[in-house]
């Protein structure tokens, strides 16, 4: 009989503990200020309904509401990361649902904004550039003012013209593009940064996998297109006329801005673009590209010390 008696005592003790725990948790739940406030708004709720949903009420009580117990999205304490519990009554029944919390909404916004910046072969330093980190020195003052003016105008609508920055190596032309791209995120405006020498190679390789038209259309339609180091690439007449010319023509017609950086002034870039692979000079076709550049941007010289040596 001892084993039976022992098991019976054990069961009775466990049952007693269960009842004690249940009563304790019930008191904690019903004495919680938020639960009391919720129930006060629904005085007609039957007591049985409250008893039946003690687990829901306890779940609500134990979790963070709109990030009040969470330091960050990554440190969310809730069962569903980034979701806050909400109690409501429908047809005299208690329901528990979840909605996105402030931290999750901020996290998703940051992710969406980061996706607004895309690039081809741009260094990480440029992709992390910020307007606040730009040195406002006198030699680059005009260019920086034009950049800030573009941002200011963007508040009322995307301007139809970008900027053609030209000047010697190392004066920060590319950094300005990266800073602008990050600033445009705040207005939910997408940008595409392209390093021109690699862009030429990318287009040539796209012929093999038949993705060239898809890529060209994407470059044509980006909110803001940024072409870095134009004139440094070795390009064919085909790329100049069929690819670059086609992209610029579309953006000119649709009044979409393009930003450029180059070591060449527009006059010297025209000479560079006019040189054919066969050693001839195609001034008319090169001039056509320059006219399109003028339609989608305004040229601004940049000068100063070589910051790459600093």
C-alpha atoms as a PDB file:
ATOM      1  CA  UNK A   1       0.000   0.000   0.000  1.00  0.00           C
ATOM      2  CA  UNK A   2       2.914   2.363   0.589  1.00  0.00           C
ATOM      3  CA  UNK A   3       3.580   3.048  -3.087  1.00  0.00           C
ATOM      4  CA  UNK A   4      -0.103   3.855  -3.668  1.00  0.00           C
ATOM      5  CA  UNK A   5      -0.245   6.132  -0.635  1.00  0.00           C
ATOM      6  CA  UNK A   6       2.971   7.815  -1.708  1.00  0.00           C
ATOM      7  CA  UNK A   7       1.651   8.519  -5.200  1.00  0.00           C
ATOM      8  CA  UNK A   8      -1.627   9.782  -3.749  1.00  0.00           C
ATOM      9  CA  UNK A   9       0.166  12.209  -1.424  1.00  0.00           C
ATOM     10  CA  UNK A  10       2.335  13.376  -4.293  1.00  0.00           C
ATOM     11  CA  UNK A  11      -0.693  14.000  -6.472  1.00  0.00           C
ATOM     12  CA  UNK A  12      -2.471  15.881  -3.690  1.00  0.00           C
ATOM     13  CA  UNK A  13       0.601  18.064  -3.113  1.00  0.00           C
ATOM     14  CA  UNK A  14       0.969  18.833  -6.803  1.00  0.00           C
ATOM     15  CA  UNK A  15      -2.730  19.578  -7.040  1.00  0.00           C
ATOM     16  CA  UNK A  16      -2.456  21.895  -4.047  1.00  0.00           C
ATOM     17  CA  UNK A  17       0.535  23.646  -5.602  1.00  0.00           C
ATOM     18  CA  UNK A  18      -1.349  24.041  -8.854  1.00  0.00           C
ATOM     19  CA  UNK A  19      -4.302  25.633  -7.089  1.00  0.00           C
ATOM     20  CA  UNK A  20      -2.047  27.940  -5.131  1.00  0.00           C
ATOM     21  CA  UNK A  21      -0.168  28.981  -8.256  1.00  0.00           C
ATOM     22  CA  UNK A  22      -3.401  29.507 -10.141  1.00  0.00           C
ATOM     23  CA  UNK A  23      -4.825  31.731  -7.414  1.00  0.00           C
ATOM     24  CA  UNK A  24      -1.584  33.684  -7.168  1.00  0.00           C
ATOM     25  CA  UNK A  25      -1.332  34.247 -10.923  1.00  0.00           C
ATOM     26  CA  UNK A  26      -5.016  35.171 -11.111  1.00  0.00           C
ATOM     27  CA  UNK A  27      -4.545  37.818  -8.435  1.00  0.00           C
ATOM     28  CA  UNK A  28      -1.448  39.180 -10.171  1.00  0.00           C
ATOM     29  CA  UNK A  29      -3.296  39.397 -13.461  1.00  0.00           C
ATOM     30  CA  UNK A  30      -6.444  41.024 -12.124  1.00  0.00           C
ATOM     31  CA  UNK A  31      -4.459  43.478 -10.007  1.00  0.00           C
ATOM     32  CA  UNK A  32      -2.306  44.581 -12.924  1.00  0.00           C
ATOM     33  CA  UNK A  33      -3.084  48.283 -13.591  1.00  0.00           C
ATOM     34  CA  UNK A  34      -3.408  47.797 -17.375  1.00  0.00           C
ATOM     35  CA  UNK A  35      -5.679  44.756 -16.987  1.00  0.00           C
ATOM     36  CA  UNK A  36      -7.823  46.602 -14.440  1.00  0.00           C
ATOM     37  CA  UNK A  37      -8.123  49.542 -16.808  1.00  0.00           C
ATOM     38  CA  UNK A  38      -9.068  47.241 -19.709  1.00  0.00           C
ATOM     39  CA  UNK A  39     -11.763  45.475 -17.648  1.00  0.00           C
ATOM     40  CA  UNK A  40     -13.105  48.811 -16.414  1.00  0.00           C
ATOM     41  CA  UNK A  41     -13.873  49.732 -20.030  1.00  0.00           C
ATOM     42  CA  UNK A  42     -15.921  46.533 -20.385  1.00  0.00           C
ATOM     43  CA  UNK A  43     -17.995  46.223 -17.202  1.00  0.00           C
ATOM     44  CA  UNK A  44     -20.537  43.911 -18.836  1.00  0.00           C
ATOM     45  CA  UNK A  45     -18.005  41.140 -19.460  1.00  0.00           C
ATOM     46  CA  UNK A  46     -19.165  37.957 -17.692  1.00  0.00           C
ATOM     47  CA  UNK A  47     -16.888  36.725 -14.936  1.00  0.00           C
ATOM     48  CA  UNK A  48     -16.701  33.351 -16.680  1.00  0.00           C
ATOM     49  CA  UNK A  49     -15.268  35.050 -19.751  1.00  0.00           C
ATOM     50  CA  UNK A  50     -12.559  36.650 -17.656  1.00  0.00           C
ATOM     51  CA  UNK A  51     -11.805  33.305 -15.965  1.00  0.00           C
ATOM     52  CA  UNK A  52     -11.698  31.534 -19.310  1.00  0.00           C
ATOM     53  CA  UNK A  53      -9.199  34.019 -20.725  1.00  0.00           C
ATOM     54  CA  UNK A  54      -6.820  34.355 -17.799  1.00  0.00           C
ATOM     55  CA  UNK A  55      -4.043  32.879 -19.965  1.00  0.00           C
ATOM     56  CA  UNK A  56      -4.573  35.587 -22.590  1.00  0.00           C
ATOM     57  CA  UNK A  57      -4.623  38.262 -19.908  1.00  0.00           C
ATOM     58  CA  UNK A  58      -1.460  36.847 -18.378  1.00  0.00           C
ATOM     59  CA  UNK A  59       0.221  36.761 -21.795  1.00  0.00           C
ATOM     60  CA  UNK A  60      -0.710  40.407 -22.318  1.00  0.00           C
ATOM     61  CA  UNK A  61       0.535  41.372 -18.852  1.00  0.00           C
ATOM     62  CA  UNK A  62       3.900  39.644 -19.198  1.00  0.00           C
ATOM     63  CA  UNK A  63       4.925  41.259 -22.489  1.00  0.00           C
ATOM     64  CA  UNK A  64       6.323  44.619 -23.497  1.00  0.00           C
ATOM     65  CA  UNK A  65       3.798  47.125 -24.848  1.00  0.00           C
ATOM     66  CA  UNK A  66       5.076  49.411 -27.578  1.00  0.00           C
ATOM     67  CA  UNK A  67       8.698  48.834 -26.587  1.00  0.00           C
ATOM     68  CA  UNK A  68       8.373  49.954 -22.928  1.00  0.00           C
ATOM     69  CA  UNK A  69      10.657  47.103 -21.812  1.00  0.00           C
ATOM     70  CA  UNK A  70      12.845  46.774 -24.919  1.00  0.00           C
ATOM     71  CA  UNK A  71      16.076  48.682 -25.508  1.00  0.00           C
ATOM     72  CA  UNK A  72      16.147  47.929 -29.225  1.00  0.00           C
ATOM     73  CA  UNK A  73      14.496  45.824 -31.931  1.00  0.00           C
ATOM     74  CA  UNK A  74      17.207  43.164 -31.599  1.00  0.00           C
ATOM     75  CA  UNK A  75      16.571  42.978 -27.834  1.00  0.00           C
ATOM     76  CA  UNK A  76      12.803  42.603 -28.110  1.00  0.00           C
ATOM     77  CA  UNK A  77      11.417  40.551 -25.186  1.00  0.00           C
ATOM     78  CA  UNK A  78       8.105  39.578 -26.744  1.00  0.00           C
ATOM     79  CA  UNK A  79       7.009  36.211 -28.093  1.00  0.00           C
ATOM     80  CA  UNK A  80       6.779  37.733 -31.564  1.00  0.00           C
ATOM     81  CA  UNK A  81       9.779  39.955 -32.194  1.00  0.00           C
ATOM     82  CA  UNK A  82       8.694  43.492 -32.897  1.00  0.00           C
ATOM     83  CA  UNK A  83       4.998  42.923 -32.193  1.00  0.00           C
ATOM     84  CA  UNK A  84       3.088  44.442 -29.289  1.00  0.00           C
ATOM     85  CA  UNK A  85       0.026  42.722 -27.668  1.00  0.00           C
ATOM     86  CA  UNK A  86      -3.385  44.353 -27.931  1.00  0.00           C
ATOM     87  CA  UNK A  87      -6.490  43.366 -25.969  1.00  0.00           C
ATOM     88  CA  UNK A  88      -9.945  43.968 -27.375  1.00  0.00           C
ATOM     89  CA  UNK A  89     -13.512  42.738 -26.914  1.00  0.00           C
ATOM     90  CA  UNK A  90     -15.788  41.508 -29.674  1.00  0.00           C
ATOM     91  CA  UNK A  91     -19.228  40.003 -29.116  1.00  0.00           C
ATOM     92  CA  UNK A  92     -18.581  40.044 -25.378  1.00  0.00           C
ATOM     93  CA  UNK A  93     -15.484  37.877 -25.818  1.00  0.00           C
ATOM     94  CA  UNK A  94     -11.872  38.758 -24.999  1.00  0.00           C
ATOM     95  CA  UNK A  95      -9.404  38.620 -27.893  1.00  0.00           C
ATOM     96  CA  UNK A  96      -5.636  39.072 -27.951  1.00  0.00           C
ATOM     97  CA  UNK A  97      -3.909  40.209 -31.112  1.00  0.00           C
ATOM     98  CA  UNK A  98      -0.527  41.685 -32.041  1.00  0.00           C
ATOM     99  CA  UNK A  99       0.499  44.802 -33.947  1.00  0.00           C
ATOM    100  CA  UNK A 100       3.863  46.101 -35.084  1.00  0.00           C
ATOM    101  CA  UNK A 101       5.659  48.093 -32.403  1.00  0.00           C
ATOM    102  CA  UNK A 102       7.561  51.378 -32.862  1.00  0.00           C
ATOM    103  CA  UNK A 103      10.935  49.653 -32.979  1.00  0.00           C
ATOM    104  CA  UNK A 104       9.826  47.225 -35.700  1.00  0.00           C
ATOM    105  CA  UNK A 105       8.348  50.041 -37.781  1.00  0.00           C
ATOM    106  CA  UNK A 106      11.620  51.989 -37.461  1.00  0.00           C
ATOM    107  CA  UNK A 107      13.605  48.826 -38.315  1.00  0.00           C
ATOM    108  CA  UNK A 108      11.512  48.164 -41.433  1.00  0.00           C
ATOM    109  CA  UNK A 109      11.791  51.796 -42.495  1.00  0.00           C
ATOM    110  CA  UNK A 110      15.583  51.634 -42.227  1.00  0.00           C
ATOM    111  CA  UNK A 111      15.644  48.418 -44.271  1.00  0.00           C
ATOM    112  CA  UNK A 112      13.413  49.922 -46.940  1.00  0.00           C
ATOM    113  CA  UNK A 113      15.502  53.071 -47.078  1.00  0.00           C
ATOM    114  CA  UNK A 114      18.729  51.110 -47.375  1.00  0.00           C
ATOM    115  CA  UNK A 115      17.277  49.274 -50.344  1.00  0.00           C
ATOM    116  CA  UNK A 116      16.777  52.638 -52.030  1.00  0.00           C
ATOM    117  CA  UNK A 117      20.535  52.877 -52.598  1.00  0.00           C
ATOM    118  CA  UNK A 118      21.981  50.451 -55.101  1.00  0.00           C
ATOM    119  CA  UNK A 119      25.402  50.526 -56.647  1.00  0.00           C
ATOM    120  CA  UNK A 120      27.744  48.913 -59.104  1.00  0.00           C
ATOM    121  CA  UNK A 121      31.262  48.515 -57.725  1.00  0.00           C
ATOM    122  CA  UNK A 122      31.222  51.481 -55.346  1.00  0.00           C
ATOM    123  CA  UNK A 123      33.455  51.301 -52.238  1.00  0.00           C
ATOM    124  CA  UNK A 124      31.874  50.960 -48.794  1.00  0.00           C
ATOM    125  CA  UNK A 125      33.288  54.322 -47.716  1.00  0.00           C
ATOM    126  CA  UNK A 126      31.223  56.034 -50.409  1.00  0.00           C
ATOM    127  CA  UNK A 127      28.049  54.107 -49.584  1.00  0.00           C
ATOM    128  CA  UNK A 128      28.376  55.251 -45.949  1.00  0.00           C
ATOM    129  CA  UNK A 129      29.037  58.910 -46.804  1.00  0.00           C
ATOM    130  CA  UNK A 130      26.979  61.563 -45.024  1.00  0.00           C
ATOM    131  CA  UNK A 131      26.157  65.186 -45.784  1.00  0.00           C
ATOM    132  CA  UNK A 132      27.126  66.201 -42.231  1.00  0.00           C
ATOM    133  CA  UNK A 133      30.641  64.806 -42.734  1.00  0.00           C
ATOM    134  CA  UNK A 134      31.411  66.940 -45.792  1.00  0.00           C
ATOM    135  CA  UNK A 135      34.111  69.561 -45.204  1.00  0.00           C
ATOM    136  CA  UNK A 136      32.673  72.913 -46.263  1.00  0.00           C
ATOM    137  CA  UNK A 137      35.853  74.510 -47.546  1.00  0.00           C
ATOM    138  CA  UNK A 138      35.949  77.528 -49.843  1.00  0.00           C
ATOM    139  CA  UNK A 139      37.394  75.661 -52.841  1.00  0.00           C
ATOM    140  CA  UNK A 140      34.440  73.278 -53.022  1.00  0.00           C
ATOM    141  CA  UNK A 141      31.858  75.702 -51.663  1.00  0.00           C
ATOM    142  CA  UNK A 142      29.967  76.241 -54.925  1.00  0.00           C
ATOM    143  CA  UNK A 143      29.585  72.507 -55.561  1.00  0.00           C
ATOM    144  CA  UNK A 144      28.416  71.782 -52.029  1.00  0.00           C
ATOM    145  CA  UNK A 145      25.883  74.633 -52.177  1.00  0.00           C
ATOM    146  CA  UNK A 146      24.485  73.258 -55.428  1.00  0.00           C
ATOM    147  CA  UNK A 147      24.184  69.819 -53.831  1.00  0.00           C
ATOM    148  CA  UNK A 148      22.306  71.234 -50.831  1.00  0.00           C
ATOM    149  CA  UNK A 149      20.100  73.267 -53.178  1.00  0.00           C
ATOM    150  CA  UNK A 150      19.175  70.083 -55.047  1.00  0.00           C
ATOM    151  CA  UNK A 151      18.152  68.472 -51.739  1.00  0.00           C
ATOM    152  CA  UNK A 152      16.129  71.506 -50.757  1.00  0.00           C
ATOM    153  CA  UNK A 153      14.297  71.502 -54.092  1.00  0.00           C
ATOM    154  CA  UNK A 154      13.608  67.787 -53.696  1.00  0.00           C
ATOM    155  CA  UNK A 155      11.228  68.575 -50.818  1.00  0.00           C
ATOM    156  CA  UNK A 156       8.730  69.916 -53.353  1.00  0.00           C
ATOM    157  CA  UNK A 157       9.532  67.499 -56.175  1.00  0.00           C
ATOM    158  CA  UNK A 158      12.495  65.827 -57.826  1.00  0.00           C
ATOM    159  CA  UNK A 159      14.448  68.379 -59.929  1.00  0.00           C
ATOM    160  CA  UNK A 160      14.953  67.513 -63.588  1.00  0.00           C
ATOM    161  CA  UNK A 161      18.674  68.309 -63.551  1.00  0.00           C
ATOM    162  CA  UNK A 162      21.508  66.818 -61.549  1.00  0.00           C
ATOM    163  CA  UNK A 163      25.124  68.035 -61.409  1.00  0.00           C
ATOM    164  CA  UNK A 164      28.211  67.289 -63.477  1.00  0.00           C
ATOM    165  CA  UNK A 165      31.094  67.546 -60.987  1.00  0.00           C
ATOM    166  CA  UNK A 166      34.504  67.782 -62.619  1.00  0.00           C
ATOM    167  CA  UNK A 167      37.962  68.392 -61.263  1.00  0.00           C
ATOM    168  CA  UNK A 168      41.276  66.742 -60.362  1.00  0.00           C
ATOM    169  CA  UNK A 169      41.754  63.461 -58.498  1.00  0.00           C
ATOM    170  CA  UNK A 170      40.954  63.272 -54.805  1.00  0.00           C
ATOM    171  CA  UNK A 171      38.868  66.422 -54.276  1.00  0.00           C
ATOM    172  CA  UNK A 172      35.846  64.440 -53.037  1.00  0.00           C
ATOM    173  CA  UNK A 173      33.634  64.273 -56.114  1.00  0.00           C
ATOM    174  CA  UNK A 174      32.544  60.674 -55.552  1.00  0.00           C
ATOM    175  CA  UNK A 175      32.046  61.227 -51.823  1.00  0.00           C
ATOM    176  CA  UNK A 176      29.508  63.944 -52.621  1.00  0.00           C
ATOM    177  CA  UNK A 177      27.484  61.438 -54.647  1.00  0.00           C
ATOM    178  CA  UNK A 178      27.454  58.936 -51.792  1.00  0.00           C
ATOM    179  CA  UNK A 179      26.393  61.610 -49.307  1.00  0.00           C
ATOM    180  CA  UNK A 180      23.609  62.717 -51.632  1.00  0.00           C
ATOM    181  CA  UNK A 181      22.376  59.138 -52.097  1.00  0.00           C
ATOM    182  CA  UNK A 182      22.103  58.686 -48.331  1.00  0.00           C
ATOM    183  CA  UNK A 183      20.348  62.024 -47.898  1.00  0.00           C
ATOM    184  CA  UNK A 184      17.801  61.117 -50.590  1.00  0.00           C
ATOM    185  CA  UNK A 185      16.766  58.073 -48.550  1.00  0.00           C
ATOM    186  CA  UNK A 186      15.027  60.418 -46.117  1.00  0.00           C
ATOM    187  CA  UNK A 187      12.704  61.453 -48.954  1.00  0.00           C
ATOM    188  CA  UNK A 188      12.183  57.826 -50.077  1.00  0.00           C
ATOM    189  CA  UNK A 189      13.946  58.596 -53.344  1.00  0.00           C
ATOM    190  CA  UNK A 190      15.954  55.780 -54.913  1.00  0.00           C
ATOM    191  CA  UNK A 191      19.392  56.255 -56.398  1.00  0.00           C
ATOM    192  CA  UNK A 192      21.749  54.167 -58.473  1.00  0.00           C
ATOM    193  CA  UNK A 193      25.511  54.741 -58.204  1.00  0.00           C
ATOM    194  CA  UNK A 194      27.622  53.366 -61.023  1.00  0.00           C
ATOM    195  CA  UNK A 195      31.399  53.305 -61.382  1.00  0.00           C
ATOM    196  CA  UNK A 196      31.681  53.858 -65.132  1.00  0.00           C
ATOM    197  CA  UNK A 197      34.707  51.656 -66.010  1.00  0.00           C
ATOM    198  CA  UNK A 198      33.032  48.678 -64.355  1.00  0.00           C
ATOM    199  CA  UNK A 199      29.692  49.640 -65.842  1.00  0.00           C
ATOM    200  CA  UNK A 200      31.136  49.203 -69.327  1.00  0.00           C
ATOM    201  CA  UNK A 201      32.379  45.723 -68.412  1.00  0.00           C
ATOM    202  CA  UNK A 202      29.034  44.866 -66.781  1.00  0.00           C
ATOM    203  CA  UNK A 203      27.121  45.760 -69.943  1.00  0.00           C
ATOM    204  CA  UNK A 204      29.454  43.744 -72.138  1.00  0.00           C
ATOM    205  CA  UNK A 205      29.065  40.655 -69.934  1.00  0.00           C
ATOM    206  CA  UNK A 206      25.269  41.121 -69.964  1.00  0.00           C
ATOM    207  CA  UNK A 207      25.206  40.406 -73.675  1.00  0.00           C
ATOM    208  CA  UNK A 208      26.134  36.786 -72.941  1.00  0.00           C
ATOM    209  CA  UNK A 209      23.289  36.105 -70.479  1.00  0.00           C
ATOM    210  CA  UNK A 210      20.735  38.191 -72.409  1.00  0.00           C
ATOM    211  CA  UNK A 211      20.085  40.537 -69.447  1.00  0.00           C
ATOM    212  CA  UNK A 212      21.291  43.697 -71.149  1.00  0.00           C
ATOM    213  CA  UNK A 213      17.867  45.190 -71.936  1.00  0.00           C
ATOM    214  CA  UNK A 214      16.627  44.581 -68.402  1.00  0.00           C
ATOM    215  CA  UNK A 215      19.657  46.333 -66.912  1.00  0.00           C
ATOM    216  CA  UNK A 216      19.503  49.277 -69.303  1.00  0.00           C
ATOM    217  CA  UNK A 217      15.822  49.816 -68.500  1.00  0.00           C
ATOM    218  CA  UNK A 218      16.627  49.770 -64.799  1.00  0.00           C
ATOM    219  CA  UNK A 219      19.313  52.441 -65.211  1.00  0.00           C
ATOM    220  CA  UNK A 220      16.984  54.511 -67.342  1.00  0.00           C
ATOM    221  CA  UNK A 221      14.226  54.578 -64.726  1.00  0.00           C
ATOM    222  CA  UNK A 222      16.035  54.983 -61.382  1.00  0.00           C
ATOM    223  CA  UNK A 223      14.835  58.116 -59.583  1.00  0.00           C
ATOM    224  CA  UNK A 224      18.368  59.516 -59.467  1.00  0.00           C
ATOM    225  CA  UNK A 225      21.179  58.068 -61.591  1.00  0.00           C
ATOM    226  CA  UNK A 226      24.803  58.722 -60.618  1.00  0.00           C
ATOM    227  CA  UNK A 227      27.648  57.978 -63.043  1.00  0.00           C
ATOM    228  CA  UNK A 228      31.035  58.115 -61.363  1.00  0.00           C
ATOM    229  CA  UNK A 229      34.269  58.795 -63.256  1.00  0.00           C
ATOM    230  CA  UNK A 230      32.808  59.180 -66.723  1.00  0.00           C
ATOM    231  CA  UNK A 231      35.569  59.475 -69.322  1.00  0.00           C
ATOM    232  CA  UNK A 232      37.907  57.119 -67.448  1.00  0.00           C
ATOM    233  CA  UNK A 233      36.459  54.047 -69.132  1.00  0.00           C
ATOM    234  CA  UNK A 234      37.630  52.535 -72.367  1.00  0.00           C
ATOM    235  CA  UNK A 235      34.448  52.386 -74.370  1.00  0.00           C
ATOM    236  CA  UNK A 236      33.424  51.549 -77.870  1.00  0.00           C
ATOM    237  CA  UNK A 237      31.331  53.677 -80.189  1.00  0.00           C
ATOM    238  CA  UNK A 238      28.598  51.073 -79.657  1.00  0.00           C
ATOM    239  CA  UNK A 239      28.557  51.627 -75.883  1.00  0.00           C
ATOM    240  CA  UNK A 240      28.673  55.409 -76.276  1.00  0.00           C
ATOM    241  CA  UNK A 241      25.817  55.594 -78.766  1.00  0.00           C
ATOM    242  CA  UNK A 242      23.581  52.593 -77.997  1.00  0.00           C
ATOM    243  CA  UNK A 243      23.978  52.319 -74.223  1.00  0.00           C
ATOM    244  CA  UNK A 244      25.040  55.647 -72.720  1.00  0.00           C
ATOM    245  CA  UNK A 245      23.211  57.645 -75.367  1.00  0.00           C
ATOM    246  CA  UNK A 246      20.034  55.609 -74.936  1.00  0.00           C
ATOM    247  CA  UNK A 247      20.034  55.997 -71.147  1.00  0.00           C
ATOM    248  CA  UNK A 248      20.650  59.747 -71.293  1.00  0.00           C
ATOM    249  CA  UNK A 249      18.052  60.240 -74.022  1.00  0.00           C
ATOM    250  CA  UNK A 250      15.373  58.502 -71.968  1.00  0.00           C
ATOM    251  CA  UNK A 251      16.188  60.469 -68.825  1.00  0.00           C
ATOM    252  CA  UNK A 252      16.276  63.715 -70.769  1.00  0.00           C
ATOM    253  CA  UNK A 253      12.803  63.045 -72.190  1.00  0.00           C
ATOM    254  CA  UNK A 254      11.401  61.975 -68.809  1.00  0.00           C
ATOM    255  CA  UNK A 255      13.103  64.882 -66.984  1.00  0.00           C
ATOM    256  CA  UNK A 256      14.986  62.563 -64.618  1.00  0.00           C
ATOM    257  CA  UNK A 257      18.223  63.933 -63.096  1.00  0.00           C
ATOM    258  CA  UNK A 258      21.684  62.453 -63.612  1.00  0.00           C
ATOM    259  CA  UNK A 259      24.766  63.187 -61.522  1.00  0.00           C
ATOM    260  CA  UNK A 260      28.263  62.743 -62.930  1.00  0.00           C
ATOM    261  CA  UNK A 261      31.815  62.921 -61.682  1.00  0.00           C
ATOM    262  CA  UNK A 262      34.753  63.286 -64.045  1.00  0.00           C
ATOM    263  CA  UNK A 263      38.321  64.458 -64.289  1.00  0.00           C
ATOM    264  CA  UNK A 264      37.325  66.117 -67.549  1.00  0.00           C
ATOM    265  CA  UNK A 265      35.443  69.314 -68.221  1.00  0.00           C
ATOM    266  CA  UNK A 266      32.601  68.886 -70.705  1.00  0.00           C
ATOM    267  CA  UNK A 267      34.805  70.277 -73.442  1.00  0.00           C
ATOM    268  CA  UNK A 268      37.554  67.758 -72.753  1.00  0.00           C
ATOM    269  CA  UNK A 269      35.047  64.936 -72.220  1.00  0.00           C
ATOM    270  CA  UNK A 270      33.703  65.606 -75.713  1.00  0.00           C
ATOM    271  CA  UNK A 271      37.199  65.090 -77.093  1.00  0.00           C
ATOM    272  CA  UNK A 272      37.531  61.882 -75.080  1.00  0.00           C
ATOM    273  CA  UNK A 273      34.187  60.505 -76.260  1.00  0.00           C
ATOM    274  CA  UNK A 274      34.916  61.454 -79.861  1.00  0.00           C
ATOM    275  CA  UNK A 275      37.921  59.150 -80.196  1.00  0.00           C
ATOM    276  CA  UNK A 276      36.970  55.989 -82.038  1.00  0.00           C
ATOM    277  CA  UNK A 277      38.571  52.569 -81.684  1.00  0.00           C
ATOM    278  CA  UNK A 278      39.895  52.909 -85.222  1.00  0.00           C
ATOM    279  CA  UNK A 279      41.788  56.099 -84.463  1.00  0.00           C
ATOM    280  CA  UNK A 280      39.275  58.482 -86.027  1.00  0.00           C
ATOM    281  CA  UNK A 281      37.354  61.329 -84.413  1.00  0.00           C
ATOM    282  CA  UNK A 282      33.558  61.246 -84.254  1.00  0.00           C
ATOM    283  CA  UNK A 283      32.788  64.796 -83.179  1.00  0.00           C
ATOM    284  CA  UNK A 284      29.093  64.778 -84.100  1.00  0.00           C
ATOM    285  CA  UNK A 285      28.237  61.676 -82.076  1.00  0.00           C
ATOM    286  CA  UNK A 286      30.349  62.800 -79.133  1.00  0.00           C
ATOM    287  CA  UNK A 287      28.700  66.210 -79.272  1.00  0.00           C
ATOM    288  CA  UNK A 288      25.299  64.556 -79.130  1.00  0.00           C
ATOM    289  CA  UNK A 289      26.233  62.855 -75.833  1.00  0.00           C
ATOM    290  CA  UNK A 290      27.499  66.142 -74.395  1.00  0.00           C
ATOM    291  CA  UNK A 291      24.230  67.885 -75.267  1.00  0.00           C
ATOM    292  CA  UNK A 292      22.288  65.189 -73.458  1.00  0.00           C
ATOM    293  CA  UNK A 293      24.560  65.553 -70.424  1.00  0.00           C
ATOM    294  CA  UNK A 294      23.810  69.282 -70.408  1.00  0.00           C
ATOM    295  CA  UNK A 295      20.083  68.559 -70.518  1.00  0.00           C
ATOM    296  CA  UNK A 296      20.153  66.296 -67.446  1.00  0.00           C
ATOM    297  CA  UNK A 297      22.787  68.151 -65.368  1.00  0.00           C
ATOM    298  CA  UNK A 298      24.638  71.420 -64.881  1.00  0.00           C
ATOM    299  CA  UNK A 299      28.410  71.421 -64.746  1.00  0.00           C
ATOM    300  CA  UNK A 300      30.149  72.525 -61.547  1.00  0.00           C
ATOM    301  CA  UNK A 301      33.947  72.523 -61.139  1.00  0.00           C
ATOM    302  CA  UNK A 302      35.517  71.201 -57.927  1.00  0.00           C
ATOM    303  CA  UNK A 303      39.036  71.950 -56.797  1.00  0.00           C
ATOM    304  CA  UNK A 304      41.151  71.662 -53.664  1.00  0.00           C
ATOM    305  CA  UNK A 305      43.786  69.462 -52.135  1.00  0.00           C
ATOM    306  CA  UNK A 306      44.023  65.760 -52.892  1.00  0.00           C
ATOM    307  CA  UNK A 307      42.189  64.215 -49.937  1.00  0.00           C
ATOM    308  CA  UNK A 308      43.401  60.733 -50.772  1.00  0.00           C
ATOM    309  CA  UNK A 309      46.868  61.778 -49.633  1.00  0.00           C
ATOM    310  CA  UNK A 310      45.606  63.131 -46.299  1.00  0.00           C
END
